[in-house]
C-alpha atoms as a PDB file:
ATOM      1  CA  MET A   1      10.091-171.748  30.068  1.00  0.00           C
ATOM      2  CA  ASP A   2       6.598-173.157  29.489  1.00  0.00           C
ATOM      3  CA  PHE A   3       4.640-172.350  32.643  1.00  0.00           C
ATOM      4  CA  PHE A   4       1.811-174.651  31.574  1.00  0.00           C
ATOM      5  CA  LYS A   5       3.830-177.767  30.762  1.00  0.00           C
ATOM      6  CA  ASN A   6       2.949-179.451  34.079  1.00  0.00           C
ATOM      7  CA  MET A   7      -0.794-178.878  33.875  1.00  0.00           C
ATOM      8  CA  PRO A   8      -3.009-181.947  34.392  1.00  0.00           C
ATOM      9  CA  LYS A   9      -4.999-183.500  31.568  1.00  0.00           C
ATOM     10  CA  PHE A  10      -8.076-183.996  33.787  1.00  0.00           C
ATOM     11  CA  VAL A  11      -9.361-181.999  36.764  1.00  0.00           C
ATOM     12  CA  THR A  12     -12.184-182.959  39.140  1.00  0.00           C
ATOM     13  CA  VAL A  13     -14.437-180.070  40.113  1.00  0.00           C
ATOM     14  CA  SER A  14     -16.486-180.600  43.281  1.00  0.00           C
ATOM     15  CA  ASP A  15     -19.442-178.230  43.458  1.00  0.00           C
ATOM     16  CA  ILE A  16     -20.508-177.145  46.941  1.00  0.00           C
ATOM     17  CA  THR A  17     -23.199-174.585  46.063  1.00  0.00           C
ATOM     18  CA  THR A  18     -26.062-176.004  48.099  1.00  0.00           C
ATOM     19  CA  ARG A  19     -23.902-176.083  51.238  1.00  0.00           C
ATOM     20  CA  ASP A  20     -21.153-173.451  51.277  1.00  0.00           C
ATOM     21  CA  GLY A  21     -22.798-171.295  48.639  1.00  0.00           C
ATOM     22  CA  TYR A  22     -26.227-171.046  50.213  1.00  0.00           C
ATOM     23  CA  GLN A  23     -25.030-170.801  53.829  1.00  0.00           C
ATOM     24  CA  HIS A  24     -24.113-167.158  53.195  1.00  0.00           C
ATOM     25  CA  GLU A  25     -27.453-166.206  51.635  1.00  0.00           C
ATOM     26  CA  GLU A  26     -29.665-163.960  53.739  1.00  0.00           C
ATOM     27  CA  LYS A  27     -32.847-165.671  52.614  1.00  0.00           C
ATOM     28  CA  VAL A  28     -33.818-169.310  52.964  1.00  0.00           C
ATOM     29  CA  ILE A  29     -33.410-171.154  49.668  1.00  0.00           C
ATOM     30  CA  PRO A  30     -36.424-173.484  49.255  1.00  0.00           C
ATOM     31  CA  THR A  31     -35.704-177.189  49.574  1.00  0.00           C
ATOM     32  CA  ASP A  32     -37.121-177.845  46.111  1.00  0.00           C
ATOM     33  CA  ALA A  33     -34.711-175.279  44.675  1.00  0.00           C
ATOM     34  CA  LYS A  34     -31.754-176.990  46.364  1.00  0.00           C
ATOM     35  CA  LEU A  35     -32.874-180.336  44.993  1.00  0.00           C
ATOM     36  CA  TYR A  36     -33.288-178.794  41.540  1.00  0.00           C
ATOM     37  CA  VAL A  37     -29.715-177.462  41.613  1.00  0.00           C
ATOM     38  CA  ILE A  38     -28.340-180.801  42.829  1.00  0.00           C
ATOM     39  CA  ASP A  39     -30.186-182.695  40.073  1.00  0.00           C
ATOM     40  CA  LYS A  40     -28.993-180.272  37.397  1.00  0.00           C
ATOM     41  CA  LEU A  41     -25.386-180.418  38.618  1.00  0.00           C
ATOM     42  CA  ILE A  42     -25.535-184.190  38.242  1.00  0.00           C
ATOM     43  CA  GLU A  43     -26.961-183.796  34.735  1.00  0.00           C
ATOM     44  CA  CYS A  44     -24.005-181.525  33.958  1.00  0.00           C
ATOM     45  CA  GLY A  45     -21.659-184.361  34.883  1.00  0.00           C
ATOM     46  CA  PHE A  46     -20.456-183.516  38.406  1.00  0.00           C
ATOM     47  CA  LYS A  47     -19.371-186.559  40.398  1.00  0.00           C
ATOM     48  CA  LYS A  48     -18.634-184.840  43.711  1.00  0.00           C
ATOM     49  CA  LEU A  49     -21.203-182.643  45.456  1.00  0.00           C
ATOM     50  CA  GLU A  50     -21.387-181.175  48.944  1.00  0.00           C
ATOM     51  CA  VAL A  51     -25.124-180.985  49.411  1.00  0.00           C
ATOM     52  CA  THR A  52     -25.960-179.865  52.963  1.00  0.00           C
ATOM     53  CA  ASN A  53     -24.831-179.189  56.516  1.00  0.00           C
ATOM     54  CA  TYR A  54     -26.057-180.987  59.638  1.00  0.00           C
ATOM     55  CA  ALA A  55     -25.864-177.681  61.489  1.00  0.00           C
ATOM     56  CA  ASN A  56     -27.873-176.521  64.464  1.00  0.00           C
ATOM     57  CA  PRO A  57     -30.972-175.027  62.762  1.00  0.00           C
ATOM     58  CA  LYS A  58     -31.145-172.267  65.379  1.00  0.00           C
ATOM     59  CA  ARG A  59     -27.713-171.031  64.337  1.00  0.00           C
ATOM     60  CA  GLN A  60     -28.040-171.840  60.635  1.00  0.00           C
ATOM     61  CA  PRO A  61     -31.713-172.039  59.610  1.00  0.00           C
ATOM     62  CA  GLN A  62     -30.619-172.380  55.986  1.00  0.00           C
ATOM     63  CA  PHE A  63     -30.004-176.055  56.762  1.00  0.00           C
ATOM     64  CA  ARG A  64     -33.059-176.912  58.840  1.00  0.00           C
ATOM     65  CA  ASP A  65     -34.008-179.107  55.850  1.00  0.00           C
ATOM     66  CA  ALA A  66     -30.752-181.135  55.928  1.00  0.00           C
ATOM     67  CA  HIS A  67     -32.461-184.467  56.621  1.00  0.00           C
ATOM     68  CA  GLU A  68     -35.120-183.807  53.984  1.00  0.00           C
ATOM     69  CA  VAL A  69     -32.495-182.929  51.387  1.00  0.00           C
ATOM     70  CA  MET A  70     -30.565-186.111  52.128  1.00  0.00           C
ATOM     71  CA  LYS A  71     -33.753-188.154  51.973  1.00  0.00           C
ATOM     72  CA  ARG A  72     -35.014-186.693  48.690  1.00  0.00           C
ATOM     73  CA  ILE A  73     -31.930-186.357  46.504  1.00  0.00           C
ATOM     74  CA  LYS A  74     -31.796-188.685  43.526  1.00  0.00           C
ATOM     75  CA  ARG A  75     -28.933-191.090  44.076  1.00  0.00           C
ATOM     76  CA  LEU A  76     -26.586-192.257  41.356  1.00  0.00           C
ATOM     77  CA  PRO A  77     -23.913-194.858  42.151  1.00  0.00           C
ATOM     78  CA  ASP A  78     -21.079-192.856  40.575  1.00  0.00           C
ATOM     79  CA  VAL A  79     -21.865-189.592  42.401  1.00  0.00           C
ATOM     80  CA  GLU A  80     -20.456-188.854  45.861  1.00  0.00           C
ATOM     81  CA  TYR A  81     -22.776-186.896  48.165  1.00  0.00           C
ATOM     82  CA  THR A  82     -21.109-185.037  51.044  1.00  0.00           C
ATOM     83  CA  ALA A  83     -22.508-183.378  54.168  1.00  0.00           C
ATOM     84  CA  ASN A  84     -20.741-180.910  56.427  1.00  0.00           C
ATOM     85  CA  THR A  85     -20.466-182.000  60.075  1.00  0.00           C
ATOM     86  CA  MET A  86     -18.904-179.601  62.591  1.00  0.00           C
ATOM     87  CA  THR A  87     -20.039-181.238  65.856  1.00  0.00           C
ATOM     88  CA  GLU A  88     -20.490-184.694  67.317  1.00  0.00           C
ATOM     89  CA  ARG A  89     -24.249-184.238  67.140  1.00  0.00           C
ATOM     90  CA  ALA A  90     -23.879-183.594  63.410  1.00  0.00           C
ATOM     91  CA  ILE A  91     -21.676-186.680  63.053  1.00  0.00           C
ATOM     92  CA  GLN A  92     -24.404-188.715  64.746  1.00  0.00           C
ATOM     93  CA  ASP A  93     -27.060-187.182  62.477  1.00  0.00           C
ATOM     94  CA  ALA A  94     -25.103-188.379  59.445  1.00  0.00           C
ATOM     95  CA  ILE A  95     -24.800-191.859  60.922  1.00  0.00           C
ATOM     96  CA  ASP A  96     -28.513-191.956  61.821  1.00  0.00           C
ATOM     97  CA  ASP A  97     -29.500-190.932  58.288  1.00  0.00           C
ATOM     98  CA  ALA A  98     -27.197-193.632  56.915  1.00  0.00           C
ATOM     99  CA  LYS A  99     -28.970-196.218  59.064  1.00  0.00           C
ATOM    100  CA  GLN A 100     -32.245-195.041  57.505  1.00  0.00           C
ATOM    101  CA  GLY A 101     -30.788-195.582  54.037  1.00  0.00           C
ATOM    102  CA  TYR A 102     -30.260-191.972  52.951  1.00  0.00           C
ATOM    103  CA  GLY A 103     -27.094-190.773  54.648  1.00  0.00           C
ATOM    104  CA  PRO A 104     -24.131-189.083  52.990  1.00  0.00           C
ATOM    105  CA  ASP A 105     -21.352-190.984  51.239  1.00  0.00           C
ATOM    106  CA  ARG A 106     -18.831-188.663  52.867  1.00  0.00           C
ATOM    107  CA  VAL A 107     -18.712-186.148  55.699  1.00  0.00           C
ATOM    108  CA  VAL A 108     -16.296-183.274  56.173  1.00  0.00           C
ATOM    109  CA  VAL A 109     -15.124-181.513  59.331  1.00  0.00           C
ATOM    110  CA  THR A 110     -12.746-178.572  59.671  1.00  0.00           C
ATOM    111  CA  ILE A 111      -9.699-177.868  61.822  1.00  0.00           C
ATOM    112  CA  SER A 112      -7.748-174.606  61.859  1.00  0.00           C
ATOM    113  CA  SER A 113      -3.985-174.377  62.201  1.00  0.00           C
ATOM    114  CA  SER A 114      -4.557-171.118  64.109  1.00  0.00           C
ATOM    115  CA  GLU A 115      -5.388-171.700  67.778  1.00  0.00           C
ATOM    116  CA  PRO A 116      -7.742-168.683  68.218  1.00  0.00           C
ATOM    117  CA  HIS A 117      -9.550-169.405  64.948  1.00  0.00           C
ATOM    118  CA  ASN A 118     -10.056-173.043  65.867  1.00  0.00           C
ATOM    119  CA  LYS A 119     -11.366-172.019  69.276  1.00  0.00           C
ATOM    120  CA  ARG A 120     -13.812-169.613  67.648  1.00  0.00           C
ATOM    121  CA  ASN A 121     -14.885-172.117  64.986  1.00  0.00           C
ATOM    122  CA  SER A 122     -15.185-175.289  67.071  1.00  0.00           C
ATOM    123  CA  GLY A 123     -15.200-174.130  70.681  1.00  0.00           C
ATOM    124  CA  LYS A 124     -12.177-176.359  71.311  1.00  0.00           C
ATOM    125  CA  SER A 125      -8.433-175.949  71.473  1.00  0.00           C
ATOM    126  CA  VAL A 126      -6.502-177.467  68.588  1.00  0.00           C
ATOM    127  CA  ALA A 127      -5.306-180.329  70.821  1.00  0.00           C
ATOM    128  CA  GLU A 128      -8.854-181.070  71.999  1.00  0.00           C
ATOM    129  CA  HIS A 129     -10.105-180.929  68.424  1.00  0.00           C
ATOM    130  CA  TRP A 130      -7.538-183.464  67.238  1.00  0.00           C
ATOM    131  CA  LYS A 131      -8.874-185.917  69.835  1.00  0.00           C
ATOM    132  CA  GLN A 132     -12.433-185.282  68.616  1.00  0.00           C
ATOM    133  CA  ILE A 133     -11.439-185.838  65.008  1.00  0.00           C
ATOM    134  CA  GLU A 134      -9.849-189.181  65.814  1.00  0.00           C
ATOM    135  CA  LYS A 135     -13.029-190.254  67.610  1.00  0.00           C
ATOM    136  CA  TRP A 136     -15.304-189.000  64.841  1.00  0.00           C
ATOM    137  CA  MET A 137     -13.307-190.785  62.173  1.00  0.00           C
ATOM    138  CA  GLU A 138     -13.780-194.077  63.997  1.00  0.00           C
ATOM    139  CA  MET A 139     -17.526-193.436  64.321  1.00  0.00           C
ATOM    140  CA  ILE A 140     -17.932-192.478  60.664  1.00  0.00           C
ATOM    141  CA  HIS A 141     -15.815-195.300  59.271  1.00  0.00           C
ATOM    142  CA  ALA A 142     -17.768-197.783  61.397  1.00  0.00           C
ATOM    143  CA  ALA A 143     -20.875-196.545  59.543  1.00  0.00           C
ATOM    144  CA  ASN A 144     -19.139-197.138  56.184  1.00  0.00           C
ATOM    145  CA  ILE A 145     -19.004-193.417  55.365  1.00  0.00           C
ATOM    146  CA  LYS A 146     -15.931-191.582  54.082  1.00  0.00           C
ATOM    147  CA  PHE A 147     -14.308-189.100  56.430  1.00  0.00           C
ATOM    148  CA  SER A 148     -12.643-185.906  55.231  1.00  0.00           C
ATOM    149  CA  VAL A 149     -10.974-183.104  57.169  1.00  0.00           C
ATOM    150  CA  THR A 150     -10.434-179.596  55.819  1.00  0.00           C
ATOM    151  CA  ILE A 151      -7.533-177.515  57.090  1.00  0.00           C
ATOM    152  CA  SER A 152      -8.213-173.796  57.503  1.00  0.00           C
ATOM    153  CA  THR A 153      -6.070-170.676  58.162  1.00  0.00           C
ATOM    154  CA  ILE A 154      -3.250-172.154  56.078  1.00  0.00           C
ATOM    155  CA  TRP A 155      -2.080-168.807  54.725  1.00  0.00           C
ATOM    156  CA  GLY A 156      -3.178-166.590  57.607  1.00  0.00           C
ATOM    157  CA  CYS A 157      -5.759-166.066  60.311  1.00  0.00           C
ATOM    158  CA  PRO A 158      -8.305-163.227  60.336  1.00  0.00           C
ATOM    159  CA  ILE A 159      -8.008-163.165  64.131  1.00  0.00           C
ATOM    160  CA  ALA A 160      -4.321-163.783  64.851  1.00  0.00           C
ATOM    161  CA  GLY A 161      -2.736-162.621  61.590  1.00  0.00           C
ATOM    162  CA  PRO A 162       0.120-164.533  59.902  1.00  0.00           C
ATOM    163  CA  VAL A 163       0.328-168.270  60.589  1.00  0.00           C
ATOM    164  CA  PRO A 164       3.388-170.412  59.749  1.00  0.00           C
ATOM    165  CA  MET A 165       2.507-172.421  56.636  1.00  0.00           C
ATOM    166  CA  GLU A 166       4.496-175.353  57.991  1.00  0.00           C
ATOM    167  CA  TRP A 167       1.829-175.922  60.635  1.00  0.00           C
ATOM    168  CA  ALA A 168      -0.760-176.727  57.959  1.00  0.00           C
ATOM    169  CA  VAL A 169       1.714-178.899  56.019  1.00  0.00           C
ATOM    170  CA  ASP A 170       2.235-180.898  59.218  1.00  0.00           C
ATOM    171  CA  PHE A 171      -1.542-181.080  59.767  1.00  0.00           C
ATOM    172  CA  ALA A 172      -2.025-182.551  56.276  1.00  0.00           C
ATOM    173  CA  ASP A 173       0.705-185.115  56.879  1.00  0.00           C
ATOM    174  CA  ARG A 174      -0.837-186.092  60.207  1.00  0.00           C
ATOM    175  CA  LEU A 175      -4.299-186.491  58.685  1.00  0.00           C
ATOM    176  CA  VAL A 176      -3.030-188.738  55.886  1.00  0.00           C
ATOM    177  CA  LYS A 177      -1.161-190.920  58.376  1.00  0.00           C
ATOM    178  CA  MET A 178      -4.249-190.977  60.626  1.00  0.00           C
ATOM    179  CA  GLY A 179      -6.248-192.570  57.822  1.00  0.00           C
ATOM    180  CA  VAL A 180      -8.710-189.927  56.637  1.00  0.00           C
ATOM    181  CA  ASP A 181     -10.093-190.560  53.180  1.00  0.00           C
ATOM    182  CA  ASP A 182      -9.078-187.160  51.835  1.00  0.00           C
ATOM    183  CA  VAL A 183      -7.854-183.760  52.990  1.00  0.00           C
ATOM    184  CA  GLY A 184      -9.293-180.360  52.102  1.00  0.00           C
ATOM    185  CA  HIS A 185      -7.079-177.269  52.035  1.00  0.00           C
ATOM    186  CA  ALA A 186      -9.068-174.067  52.449  1.00  0.00           C
ATOM    187  CA  ASP A 187      -8.282-170.414  51.960  1.00  0.00           C
ATOM    188  CA  HIS A 188     -11.456-169.321  53.732  1.00  0.00           C
ATOM    189  CA  ASP A 189     -10.889-165.594  53.544  1.00  0.00           C
ATOM    190  CA  GLY A 190      -8.747-165.058  50.451  1.00  0.00           C
ATOM    191  CA  GLN A 191      -5.318-164.692  52.073  1.00  0.00           C
ATOM    192  CA  ALA A 192      -3.460-167.030  49.704  1.00  0.00           C
ATOM    193  CA  SER A 193      -1.431-165.380  46.956  1.00  0.00           C
ATOM    194  CA  PRO A 194      -0.575-167.555  43.932  1.00  0.00           C
ATOM    195  CA  ASP A 195       3.095-167.965  44.872  1.00  0.00           C
ATOM    196  CA  LYS A 196       2.156-169.091  48.378  1.00  0.00           C
ATOM    197  CA  ALA A 197      -0.539-171.405  47.019  1.00  0.00           C
ATOM    198  CA  TYR A 198       2.066-173.053  44.782  1.00  0.00           C
ATOM    199  CA  GLU A 199       4.567-173.347  47.624  1.00  0.00           C
ATOM    200  CA  TYR A 200       2.066-174.896  49.997  1.00  0.00           C
ATOM    201  CA  PHE A 201       0.666-177.520  47.628  1.00  0.00           C
ATOM    202  CA  ALA A 202       4.125-178.429  46.364  1.00  0.00           C
ATOM    203  CA  ARG A 203       5.141-179.139  49.957  1.00  0.00           C
ATOM    204  CA  VAL A 204       1.964-181.112  50.709  1.00  0.00           C
ATOM    205  CA  LEU A 205       2.318-183.273  47.599  1.00  0.00           C
ATOM    206  CA  ASP A 206       6.009-183.765  48.222  1.00  0.00           C
ATOM    207  CA  ARG A 207       5.042-185.560  51.441  1.00  0.00           C
ATOM    208  CA  ASP A 208       2.013-187.326  49.967  1.00  0.00           C
ATOM    209  CA  PRO A 209       2.316-187.633  46.160  1.00  0.00           C
ATOM    210  CA  ASN A 210      -1.332-188.610  45.737  1.00  0.00           C
ATOM    211  CA  PRO A 211      -3.128-185.519  44.392  1.00  0.00           C
ATOM    212  CA  GLU A 212      -6.526-187.255  44.269  1.00  0.00           C
ATOM    213  CA  ARG A 213      -6.424-187.386  48.085  1.00  0.00           C
ATOM    214  CA  HIS A 214      -6.235-183.589  48.357  1.00  0.00           C
ATOM    215  CA  MET A 215      -8.754-180.885  47.482  1.00  0.00           C
ATOM    216  CA  ALA A 216      -8.179-177.127  47.127  1.00  0.00           C
ATOM    217  CA  HIS A 217     -10.763-174.564  48.241  1.00  0.00           C
ATOM    218  CA  PHE A 218     -10.124-170.923  47.352  1.00  0.00           C
ATOM    219  CA  HIS A 219     -12.126-167.825  48.227  1.00  0.00           C
ATOM    220  CA  VAL A 220     -11.946-164.714  46.082  1.00  0.00           C
ATOM    221  CA  SER A 221     -12.102-161.996  48.724  1.00  0.00           C
ATOM    222  CA  ARG A 222      -9.086-160.385  47.063  1.00  0.00           C
ATOM    223  CA  GLY A 223      -9.766-161.579  43.513  1.00  0.00           C
ATOM    224  CA  TRP A 224      -7.010-164.205  43.334  1.00  0.00           C
ATOM    225  CA  GLY A 225      -9.137-167.369  43.124  1.00  0.00           C
ATOM    226  CA  LEU A 226      -8.501-168.575  39.567  1.00  0.00           C
ATOM    227  CA  ALA A 227      -4.855-167.471  39.721  1.00  0.00           C
ATOM    228  CA  ASN A 228      -4.519-169.695  42.782  1.00  0.00           C
ATOM    229  CA  VAL A 229      -6.146-172.581  40.911  1.00  0.00           C
ATOM    230  CA  LEU A 230      -3.531-172.237  38.165  1.00  0.00           C
ATOM    231  CA  ALA A 231      -0.728-172.129  40.733  1.00  0.00           C
ATOM    232  CA  ALA A 232      -2.099-175.172  42.564  1.00  0.00           C
ATOM    233  CA  MET A 233      -2.406-177.130  39.315  1.00  0.00           C
ATOM    234  CA  GLN A 234       1.182-176.263  38.500  1.00  0.00           C
ATOM    235  CA  ALA A 235       2.125-177.733  41.889  1.00  0.00           C
ATOM    236  CA  GLY A 236       0.236-180.938  41.033  1.00  0.00           C
ATOM    237  CA  MET A 237      -3.301-180.433  42.397  1.00  0.00           C
ATOM    238  CA  VAL A 238      -6.181-181.936  40.412  1.00  0.00           C
ATOM    239  CA  VAL A 239      -9.287-181.568  42.652  1.00  0.00           C
ATOM    240  CA  PHE A 240     -10.962-178.211  43.359  1.00  0.00           C
ATOM    241  CA  GLU A 241     -14.091-176.997  45.140  1.00  0.00           C
ATOM    242  CA  SER A 242     -16.257-174.171  43.796  1.00  0.00           C
ATOM    243  CA  THR A 243     -19.768-172.737  43.803  1.00  0.00           C
ATOM    244  CA  LEU A 244     -22.193-171.540  41.150  1.00  0.00           C
ATOM    245  CA  GLY A 245     -21.835-167.818  40.696  1.00  0.00           C
ATOM    246  CA  GLY A 246     -18.972-167.776  43.202  1.00  0.00           C
ATOM    247  CA  ILE A 247     -21.395-167.427  46.119  1.00  0.00           C
ATOM    248  CA  GLY A 248     -20.617-168.489  49.663  1.00  0.00           C
ATOM    249  CA  GLY A 249     -18.833-167.460  52.793  1.00  0.00           C
ATOM    250  CA  GLN A 250     -19.535-167.589  56.483  1.00  0.00           C
ATOM    251  CA  PRO A 251     -23.009-168.555  57.763  1.00  0.00           C
ATOM    252  CA  ALA A 252     -25.356-165.600  57.475  1.00  0.00           C
ATOM    253  CA  ASN A 253     -26.273-163.564  60.551  1.00  0.00           C
ATOM    254  CA  PHE A 254     -29.587-162.497  59.029  1.00  0.00           C
ATOM    255  CA  ILE A 255     -32.174-164.763  57.361  1.00  0.00           C
ATOM    256  CA  ASP A 256     -35.476-163.677  55.831  1.00  0.00           C
ATOM    257  CA  GLY A 257     -35.558-160.451  57.809  1.00  0.00           C
ATOM    258  CA  VAL A 258     -34.685-162.098  61.120  1.00  0.00           C
ATOM    259  CA  PRO A 259     -31.306-161.815  62.918  1.00  0.00           C
ATOM    260  CA  VAL A 260     -29.878-165.269  63.692  1.00  0.00           C
ATOM    261  CA  ALA A 261     -26.767-166.516  65.475  1.00  0.00           C
ATOM    262  CA  GLY A 262     -24.929-167.415  62.269  1.00  0.00           C
ATOM    263  CA  THR A 263     -21.258-166.587  62.514  1.00  0.00           C
ATOM    264  CA  GLY A 264     -21.752-163.972  65.215  1.00  0.00           C
ATOM    265  CA  LYS A 265     -19.477-160.952  65.525  1.00  0.00           C
ATOM    266  CA  TYR A 266     -16.754-162.727  63.568  1.00  0.00           C
ATOM    267  CA  TYR A 267     -18.264-161.933  60.181  1.00  0.00           C
ATOM    268  CA  TYR A 268     -17.226-160.210  56.990  1.00  0.00           C
ATOM    269  CA  SER A 269     -17.345-156.420  57.260  1.00  0.00           C
ATOM    270  CA  ASP A 270     -18.987-156.369  53.829  1.00  0.00           C
ATOM    271  CA  PRO A 271     -20.979-159.593  53.250  1.00  0.00           C
ATOM    272  CA  SER A 272     -21.434-158.724  49.559  1.00  0.00           C
ATOM    273  CA  ARG A 273     -17.688-158.976  48.858  1.00  0.00           C
ATOM    274  CA  THR A 274     -17.254-162.659  49.598  1.00  0.00           C
ATOM    275  CA  GLY A 275     -17.450-165.948  47.831  1.00  0.00           C
ATOM    276  CA  LEU A 276     -15.547-168.871  46.377  1.00  0.00           C
ATOM    277  CA  VAL A 277     -14.026-169.614  43.020  1.00  0.00           C
ATOM    278  CA  CYS A 278     -16.913-169.602  40.561  1.00  0.00           C
ATOM    279  CA  THR A 279     -17.799-173.032  39.154  1.00  0.00           C
ATOM    280  CA  GLU A 280     -18.855-171.692  35.749  1.00  0.00           C
ATOM    281  CA  ASP A 281     -15.701-169.621  35.258  1.00  0.00           C
ATOM    282  CA  LEU A 282     -13.433-172.386  36.565  1.00  0.00           C
ATOM    283  CA  VAL A 283     -14.901-175.018  34.243  1.00  0.00           C
ATOM    284  CA  CYS A 284     -14.848-172.647  31.261  1.00  0.00           C
ATOM    285  CA  MET A 285     -11.220-171.747  31.967  1.00  0.00           C
ATOM    286  CA  LEU A 286     -10.249-175.416  32.112  1.00  0.00           C
ATOM    287  CA  ASP A 287     -12.248-176.087  28.953  1.00  0.00           C
ATOM    288  CA  GLY A 288     -10.457-173.238  27.189  1.00  0.00           C
ATOM    289  CA  MET A 289      -7.110-174.682  28.248  1.00  0.00           C
ATOM    290  CA  GLY A 290      -8.013-178.101  26.874  1.00  0.00           C
ATOM    291  CA  ILE A 291      -8.155-179.678  30.348  1.00  0.00           C
ATOM    292  CA  GLU A 292     -10.967-182.220  30.640  1.00  0.00           C
ATOM    293  CA  THR A 293     -13.498-182.124  33.481  1.00  0.00           C
ATOM    294  CA  GLY A 294     -16.280-184.438  32.286  1.00  0.00           C
ATOM    295  CA  ILE A 295     -18.729-181.544  32.644  1.00  0.00           C
ATOM    296  CA  ASP A 296     -21.167-180.333  29.988  1.00  0.00           C
ATOM    297  CA  VAL A 297     -20.200-176.667  29.778  1.00  0.00           C
ATOM    298  CA  ASP A 298     -23.344-175.448  28.020  1.00  0.00           C
ATOM    299  CA  LYS A 299     -25.642-177.129  30.551  1.00  0.00           C
ATOM    300  CA  LEU A 300     -23.549-175.651  33.353  1.00  0.00           C
ATOM    301  CA  LEU A 301     -23.907-172.116  32.002  1.00  0.00           C
ATOM    302  CA  ASP A 302     -27.676-172.577  31.723  1.00  0.00           C
ATOM    303  CA  LEU A 303     -27.749-173.745  35.346  1.00  0.00           C
ATOM    304  CA  GLY A 304     -25.650-170.763  36.391  1.00  0.00           C
ATOM    305  CA  ALA A 305     -28.229-168.426  34.876  1.00  0.00           C
ATOM    306  CA  MET A 306     -31.026-170.268  36.670  1.00  0.00           C
ATOM    307  CA  ASN A 307     -29.149-170.105  39.973  1.00  0.00           C
ATOM    308  CA  GLU A 308     -29.109-166.317  39.668  1.00  0.00           C
ATOM    309  CA  ARG A 309     -32.902-166.410  39.522  1.00  0.00           C
ATOM    310  CA  ILE A 310     -33.007-168.716  42.551  1.00  0.00           C
ATOM    311  CA  VAL A 311     -30.920-166.386  44.733  1.00  0.00           C
ATOM    312  CA  GLY A 312     -32.535-163.302  43.222  1.00  0.00           C
ATOM    313  CA  ARG A 313     -29.581-161.320  41.899  1.00  0.00           C
ATOM    314  CA  GLN A 314     -26.799-161.303  39.324  1.00  0.00           C
ATOM    315  CA  LEU A 315     -23.753-163.202  40.531  1.00  0.00           C
ATOM    316  CA  ARG A 316     -20.081-162.972  39.633  1.00  0.00           C
ATOM    317  CA  ALA A 317     -19.997-165.712  36.973  1.00  0.00           C
ATOM    318  CA  GLU A 318     -18.531-163.820  34.023  1.00  0.00           C
ATOM    319  CA  THR A 319     -19.024-166.761  31.671  1.00  0.00           C
ATOM    320  CA  VAL A 320     -22.780-166.900  32.265  1.00  0.00           C
ATOM    321  CA  THR A 321     -22.971-163.707  30.220  1.00  0.00           C
ATOM    322  CA  GLY A 322     -19.673-163.901  28.300  1.00  0.00           C
ATOM    323  CA  GLY A 323     -19.985-167.551  27.306  1.00  0.00           C
ATOM    324  CA  ARG A 324     -17.352-170.222  26.755  1.00  0.00           C
ATOM    325  CA  LEU A 325     -14.463-169.970  24.322  1.00  0.00           C
ATOM    326  CA  LYS A 326     -15.163-171.193  20.810  1.00  0.00           C
ATOM    327  CA  ARG A 327     -12.939-174.092  19.866  1.00  0.00           C
END
């Protein structure tokens, strides 16, 4: 049996460093540095970028420059710029920026299949949140912006424990039928094992055989990130999110020496052992397998090294030091 016979010929990698990656950093990343990373990612060939978060700056001061970032990024017609929007105020911020001519092409909100996690994350019950999402989609589509929803706690909840996977499969089906532009599927705390990742995405794509409408988001809290990517590709997935150096996690509780609201008590016990699938390692793995991404690998590795200087420490990108495979 050839395990790799069903692998795709092309994979889209969406980099979310300047949003999910930097939200976990305990120092403010300068706006010019964020813009530098965004520009260099585009030069590398990325066509999908999540660039900022319209968050409350008191809770997440990392994104107090959200409007400035959106206003100053260099726009290319074939690049999709996404902003994270967790509240109705954030949805309105995205719409207001769009009216000024510099809004996002796409916004993303999150819903959890776990009731206690959704309550903690959004302040709403799951039923209340569904009603909000329907309203927000109408608002965003009226502004000619794409609307995406990410499903969380698919493979388990850090608060409630195991969660039936079928709940998330039903959520994905409901979102597609509702008319969202795409659906994200997030393993926010590394609970997905490769067999369960395969099972889940096979079931999702069995109901909606359009892999370009679905995006996988894996954390590496237990070290299974790239194994999960392989399993998801085997199930038919072709779009993945990642960050430079594998940074990212929950919003920091401590910024530039000052405690902030951030995630609050619900936070990783060891903030250093967090992060997403690493963009550099993911792209190099795909390159080594002969799977096209449209990304300049050498430029990406140079950017990965520069990102380590921006955040001020060595990150977990093995290929930044080990290099790509020779072909």
